Amino acid sequence: MPRTPDEHWIENEFRRLNAGMVTRGRSLETLLREAEPTLTTRDGEAFIVDRGALERLAAAGTPEERRALMIPITLHFTADATNEVYVSEETAAAVLRKAEGWGPSYPYREGKMWLPLSLAMELIRKYGGAVQALYL
């Protein structure tokens, strides 16, 4: 079915919002070995990740989780859920839950951990590039 002009416009706006997104993550363990942990954005720019944020995540994870956790952790923002976002990666959900001390709050179910929008915005601010937003 052809897209409407509004759908085409929205798609272009989301593409623009996501231009600075990192599309190829790297493991937390690998980034911690670098003097200046750096990722590359979709548009080819270097993106330096805050070492303190990486260290907080590492402290919360097991050695296996540090190897498996891909940075940045992506929070998925969708038009279908105006007050919530989700994390689709199970290891990321587990490490965030421990790092933030959420206990059983925000369980990972059916491939997603849903979070309130306000909490998601705080995570993006707090984790200095180790957590990113993806607008769908």
Protein backbone atom coordinates (compact mmCIF):
# COMPACT_ATOMS: atom_id res chain seq x y z
CA MET A 1 0.00 0.00 0.00
CA PRO A 2 1.46 3.43 -0.94
CA ARG A 3 2.48 5.78 1.84
CA THR A 4 0.55 8.95 2.44
CA PRO A 5 2.39 12.29 2.31
CA ASP A 6 2.17 12.45 6.12
CA GLU A 7 3.71 8.97 6.50
CA HIS A 8 6.49 9.91 4.10
CA TRP A 9 7.18 13.11 6.05
CA ILE A 10 7.22 11.24 9.40
CA GLU A 11 9.60 8.62 7.98
CA ASN A 12 11.98 11.37 6.83
CA GLU A 13 11.83 13.08 10.23
CA PHE A 14 12.65 9.81 12.03
CA ARG A 15 15.53 9.20 9.62
CA ARG A 16 16.89 12.64 10.48
CA LEU A 17 16.46 12.04 14.22
CA ASN A 18 18.35 8.74 13.91
CA ALA A 19 21.23 10.13 11.78
CA GLY A 20 23.57 10.35 14.78
CA MET A 21 22.66 6.90 16.03
CA VAL A 22 25.28 4.19 16.49
CA THR A 23 24.27 1.24 14.30
CA ARG A 24 27.11 -1.13 15.11
CA GLY A 25 27.60 -1.56 18.83
CA ARG A 26 30.66 -2.93 20.57
CA SER A 27 30.90 -5.02 23.71
CA LEU A 28 31.18 -3.33 27.06
CA GLU A 29 34.31 -5.35 27.77
CA THR A 30 35.99 -4.15 24.56
CA LEU A 31 35.13 -0.49 25.15
CA LEU A 32 36.51 -0.62 28.69
CA ARG A 33 39.93 -1.61 27.31
CA GLU A 34 40.18 1.61 25.29
CA ALA A 35 41.75 4.79 26.66
CA GLU A 36 38.96 6.79 24.99
CA PRO A 37 35.96 4.50 24.36
CA THR A 38 34.62 5.44 20.93
CA LEU A 39 31.78 4.26 18.69
CA THR A 40 30.89 5.32 15.14
CA THR A 41 27.53 6.83 14.23
CA ARG A 42 25.44 6.02 11.17
CA ASP A 43 26.75 9.15 9.47
CA GLY A 44 30.39 8.14 10.15
CA GLU A 45 31.15 10.47 13.06
CA ALA A 46 33.17 9.35 16.09
CA PHE A 47 31.09 9.18 19.26
CA ILE A 48 32.96 9.12 22.58
CA VAL A 49 31.25 7.20 25.36
CA ASP A 50 31.56 8.34 28.96
CA ARG A 51 33.97 5.99 30.76
CA GLY A 52 32.20 6.47 34.10
CA ALA A 53 28.93 5.28 32.58
CA LEU A 54 30.65 2.19 31.18
CA GLU A 55 32.24 1.46 34.54
CA ARG A 56 28.85 1.72 36.32
CA LEU A 57 27.36 -0.78 33.88
CA ALA A 58 30.39 -3.07 34.21
CA ALA A 59 30.14 -3.02 38.02
CA ALA A 60 26.53 -4.22 37.76
CA GLY A 61 27.22 -7.03 35.28
CA THR A 62 28.84 -10.41 35.54
CA PRO A 63 31.95 -11.13 33.44
CA GLU A 64 29.70 -12.93 30.93
CA GLU A 65 27.32 -9.96 30.78
CA ARG A 66 30.24 -7.56 30.24
CA ARG A 67 31.31 -9.64 27.25
CA ALA A 68 27.77 -9.98 25.87
CA LEU A 69 26.43 -6.48 26.51
CA MET A 70 26.59 -4.40 23.35
CA ILE A 71 26.98 -0.67 23.80
CA PRO A 72 25.09 1.48 23.21
CA ILE A 73 22.00 0.06 24.84
CA THR A 74 19.12 1.11 22.62
CA LEU A 75 15.83 2.45 23.95
CA HIS A 76 13.10 2.07 21.34
CA PHE A 77 10.67 4.99 21.12
CA THR A 78 7.56 4.21 19.08
CA ALA A 79 4.54 6.25 18.04
CA ASP A 80 2.36 3.38 19.32
CA ALA A 81 3.51 3.89 22.92
CA THR A 82 3.57 7.58 23.76
CA ASN A 83 4.52 7.23 27.44
CA GLU A 84 6.76 4.17 27.33
CA VAL A 85 9.88 2.92 25.59
CA TYR A 86 11.39 -0.54 25.49
CA VAL A 87 14.72 -2.33 25.60
CA SER A 88 14.70 -5.39 23.34
CA GLU A 89 18.04 -6.92 24.33
CA GLU A 90 17.79 -9.24 27.34
CA THR A 91 21.35 -8.72 28.62
CA ALA A 92 20.91 -4.94 28.44
CA ALA A 93 17.66 -5.20 30.40
CA ALA A 94 19.30 -7.36 33.09
CA VAL A 95 22.34 -5.09 33.50
CA LEU A 96 20.25 -1.90 33.60
CA ARG A 97 17.93 -3.45 36.19
CA LYS A 98 20.92 -4.28 38.44
CA ALA A 99 22.77 -0.99 37.80
CA GLU A 100 19.68 1.02 38.71
CA GLY A 101 18.63 -1.20 41.64
CA TRP A 102 15.17 -1.85 40.21
CA GLY A 103 14.93 -5.39 41.59
CA PRO A 104 11.91 -7.10 40.04
CA SER A 105 10.59 -3.84 38.62
CA TYR A 106 10.40 -3.58 34.84
CA PRO A 107 10.57 -7.29 34.02
CA TYR A 108 11.80 -8.55 30.67
CA ARG A 109 8.83 -10.29 29.04
CA GLU A 110 8.07 -11.37 25.51
CA GLY A 111 11.34 -9.91 24.22
CA LYS A 112 11.01 -6.46 25.78
CA MET A 113 11.51 -4.52 28.98
CA TRP A 114 9.11 -1.57 29.00
CA LEU A 115 10.11 1.62 30.83
CA PRO A 116 8.29 4.90 31.51
CA LEU A 117 9.30 7.68 29.15
CA SER A 118 10.58 9.87 31.99
CA LEU A 119 12.87 7.08 33.22
CA ALA A 120 14.15 6.50 29.69
CA MET A 121 15.10 10.15 29.31
CA GLU A 122 16.95 9.99 32.64
CA LEU A 123 18.89 6.88 31.52
CA ILE A 124 19.99 8.61 28.31
CA ARG A 125 21.22 11.60 30.31
CA LYS A 126 22.84 9.53 33.05
CA TYR A 127 24.74 7.05 30.87
CA GLY A 128 26.58 9.49 28.59
CA GLY A 129 26.29 7.74 25.24
CA ALA A 130 26.16 4.19 26.60
CA VAL A 131 22.36 4.40 26.19
CA GLN A 132 20.80 5.80 23.01
CA ALA A 133 17.33 6.51 21.66
CA LEU A 134 15.95 4.95 18.50
CA TYR A 135 12.82 6.55 17.08
CA LEU A 136 10.65 4.05 15.21
